[in-house]
Protein backbone atom coordinates (compact mmCIF):
# COMPACT_ATOMS: atom_id res chain seq x y z
CA MET A 1 168.17 106.20 115.66
CA THR A 2 164.50 106.76 114.95
CA TYR A 3 163.47 108.28 111.64
CA GLU A 4 160.08 109.47 110.51
CA TYR A 5 158.77 110.90 107.29
CA PHE A 6 155.38 112.16 106.18
CA TYR A 7 153.67 111.57 102.84
CA GLN A 8 150.44 112.90 101.40
CA THR A 9 148.11 110.05 100.36
CA SER A 10 144.51 109.69 99.28
CA LEU A 11 143.67 109.15 102.97
CA GLY A 12 145.55 112.20 104.21
CA GLU A 13 149.05 112.70 105.52
CA ILE A 14 150.62 109.43 106.71
CA LYS A 15 153.68 109.19 108.92
CA ILE A 16 156.07 106.24 108.59
CA THR A 17 158.53 105.59 111.43
CA GLU A 18 161.68 103.46 111.30
CA ARG A 19 164.04 102.35 114.07
CA ASN A 20 167.03 100.01 113.67
CA ASN A 21 166.12 99.06 110.09
CA HIS A 22 162.56 98.04 111.05
CA ILE A 23 159.28 99.87 110.65
CA ILE A 24 157.82 100.53 114.09
CA GLY A 25 154.82 102.56 113.01
CA THR A 26 152.58 104.11 110.42
CA GLY A 27 149.71 106.40 111.10
CA PHE A 28 148.15 109.80 111.13
CA ARG A 29 149.83 110.95 114.30
CA LYS A 30 151.75 114.05 115.23
CA ILE A 31 155.45 114.70 114.84
CA SER A 32 157.67 112.93 117.37
CA GLU A 33 160.17 115.22 119.06
CA GLU A 34 162.87 112.53 119.37
CA ALA A 35 162.72 111.31 115.76
CA ILE A 36 164.82 112.58 112.89
CA ARG A 37 162.61 113.73 110.02
CA GLU A 38 164.36 112.04 107.15
CA GLU A 39 163.27 109.80 104.30
CA THR A 40 165.30 106.60 104.48
CA PRO A 41 165.34 103.92 101.75
CA LEU A 42 163.19 101.66 103.98
CA ILE A 43 160.66 104.41 104.67
CA ARG A 44 160.50 105.13 100.94
CA GLU A 45 159.88 101.43 100.21
CA VAL A 46 157.02 101.35 102.72
CA TYR A 47 155.53 104.44 101.08
CA THR A 48 155.79 102.72 97.69
CA GLN A 49 154.00 99.64 99.02
CA LEU A 50 151.32 101.77 100.71
CA THR A 51 150.78 103.64 97.45
CA GLU A 52 150.36 100.33 95.62
CA TYR A 53 147.92 99.15 98.30
CA LEU A 54 145.86 102.36 98.09
CA ALA A 55 145.75 102.00 94.29
CA GLY A 56 144.38 98.46 94.65
CA ASP A 57 147.56 96.91 93.27
CA ARG A 58 148.90 95.27 96.47
CA SER A 59 147.24 93.03 99.03
CA VAL A 60 150.23 91.98 101.16
CA PHE A 61 153.09 94.06 102.56
CA ASP A 62 156.67 92.85 102.44
CA ILE A 63 158.57 94.95 104.96
CA PRO A 64 160.53 94.40 108.18
CA LEU A 65 157.91 95.35 110.76
CA LYS A 66 158.68 95.44 114.47
CA PRO A 67 155.92 97.15 116.44
CA GLU A 68 156.52 97.86 120.10
CA GLY A 69 153.92 96.83 122.68
CA THR A 70 153.02 94.52 125.53
CA PRO A 71 153.07 90.75 125.00
CA PHE A 72 149.24 90.76 124.74
CA GLN A 73 149.27 93.61 122.21
CA LEU A 74 151.90 91.82 120.12
CA LYS A 75 149.79 88.64 120.21
CA VAL A 76 146.71 90.56 119.03
CA TRP A 77 148.66 92.40 116.33
CA ASN A 78 150.03 89.09 115.02
CA ILE A 79 146.47 87.80 114.79
CA LEU A 80 145.40 90.96 112.96
CA ALA A 81 148.24 90.50 110.49
CA SER A 82 146.79 87.10 109.58
CA ILE A 83 143.33 88.44 108.64
CA PRO A 84 143.10 88.00 104.86
CA TYR A 85 142.80 91.00 102.55
CA GLY A 86 139.18 91.84 101.79
CA THR A 87 137.77 90.03 104.82
CA THR A 88 136.74 91.09 108.30
CA THR A 89 136.48 89.51 111.71
CA SER A 90 135.09 90.53 115.09
CA TYR A 91 136.79 91.60 118.28
CA ARG A 92 135.20 88.57 119.93
CA HIS A 93 136.71 86.20 117.35
CA VAL A 94 140.16 87.74 117.85
CA ALA A 95 139.69 87.30 121.62
CA GLU A 96 138.82 83.64 121.09
CA ILE A 97 141.99 83.15 119.05
CA THR A 98 144.05 84.65 121.91
CA GLY A 99 142.66 81.88 124.11
CA ASN A 100 140.47 84.19 126.18
CA ALA A 101 136.99 84.52 124.68
CA GLY A 102 136.05 87.10 127.32
CA ALA A 103 138.85 89.47 126.35
CA ALA A 104 137.02 91.34 123.56
CA ARG A 105 137.48 94.69 125.34
CA ALA A 106 141.18 94.03 125.90
CA VAL A 107 141.44 93.14 122.22
CA GLY A 108 139.70 96.41 121.42
CA MET A 109 142.29 98.30 123.44
CA ALA A 110 145.15 96.47 121.71
CA VAL A 111 143.57 97.23 118.34
CA HIS A 112 143.20 100.89 119.35
CA HIS A 113 146.92 101.05 120.20
CA ASN A 114 148.05 99.45 116.94
CA PRO A 115 151.11 101.53 115.98
CA ALA A 116 151.16 100.43 112.32
CA LEU A 117 147.81 101.30 110.79
CA ILE A 118 147.15 99.59 107.46
CA LEU A 119 150.31 97.45 107.70
CA ILE A 120 148.74 95.66 110.67
CA PRO A 121 145.18 95.66 109.32
CA CYS A 122 143.15 96.61 112.38
CA HIS A 123 140.60 98.16 110.02
CA ARG A 124 139.49 94.56 109.29
CA VAL A 125 138.16 94.15 112.85
CA ILE A 126 134.49 95.07 113.19
CA GLY A 127 131.70 94.63 115.70
CA ILE A 128 130.09 91.22 116.19
CA LYS A 129 126.97 92.41 114.33
CA GLY A 130 129.00 93.72 111.40
CA ASP A 131 129.00 97.35 112.49
CA LEU A 132 132.03 99.57 112.02
CA THR A 133 133.44 100.37 115.41
CA GLY A 134 136.36 102.51 116.55
CA PHE A 135 139.39 103.21 114.41
CA ALA A 136 142.27 105.46 115.47
CA ALA A 137 142.18 107.34 112.15
CA GLY A 138 138.38 107.64 112.16
CA LEU A 139 135.52 105.52 110.87
CA GLU A 140 135.50 107.30 107.50
CA ILE A 141 139.02 106.07 106.76
CA LYS A 142 138.18 102.58 108.08
CA LYS A 143 135.23 102.43 105.66
CA LYS A 144 137.42 103.63 102.77
CA LEU A 145 139.98 100.89 103.49
CA LEU A 146 137.34 98.16 103.70
CA ASP A 147 135.64 99.40 100.52
CA LEU A 148 139.01 99.52 98.73
CA GLU A 149 139.76 95.93 99.65
CA LYS A 150 136.32 94.67 98.65
CA ALA A 151 136.70 96.37 95.26
CA HIS A 152 140.20 94.99 94.62
CA ILE A 153 140.37 91.44 95.93
CA LEU A 154 143.81 90.35 94.73
CA PRO A 155 145.82 87.15 95.03
CA GLU A 156 148.65 87.32 97.56
CA ARG A 157 152.03 88.35 96.25
């Protein structure tokens, strides 16, 4: 079964999606016709952790996350998950880590298709010259997330 639930946050309405006791997505996307709109204990826990993050009280998420994607997307998303709170990196650097320095555009596409915004911190990927580039939820939200992290650098917990 797939469950989804929506919460109002300081960034707008966020959807959290669970399947088989794992979170498969978070974002600002539309209602899914095949999902059951129900708040599960796991979805509620993710919302609690997101609320703590948005308040500047959490820098690391502790949830069972299982995004669905191609092997390359999964590789990129794993790299994104390792970008430390309050820091940024470039698409080119992520491409280099994948072993293909020329794959910056492919990395950009994988970042664009990240199904778990914030939990997989694609907002921490910026242009090589430090410019804010695409973000599925919009550049305004990307800037808010980066500013939040810079203002609340916390030790991991």
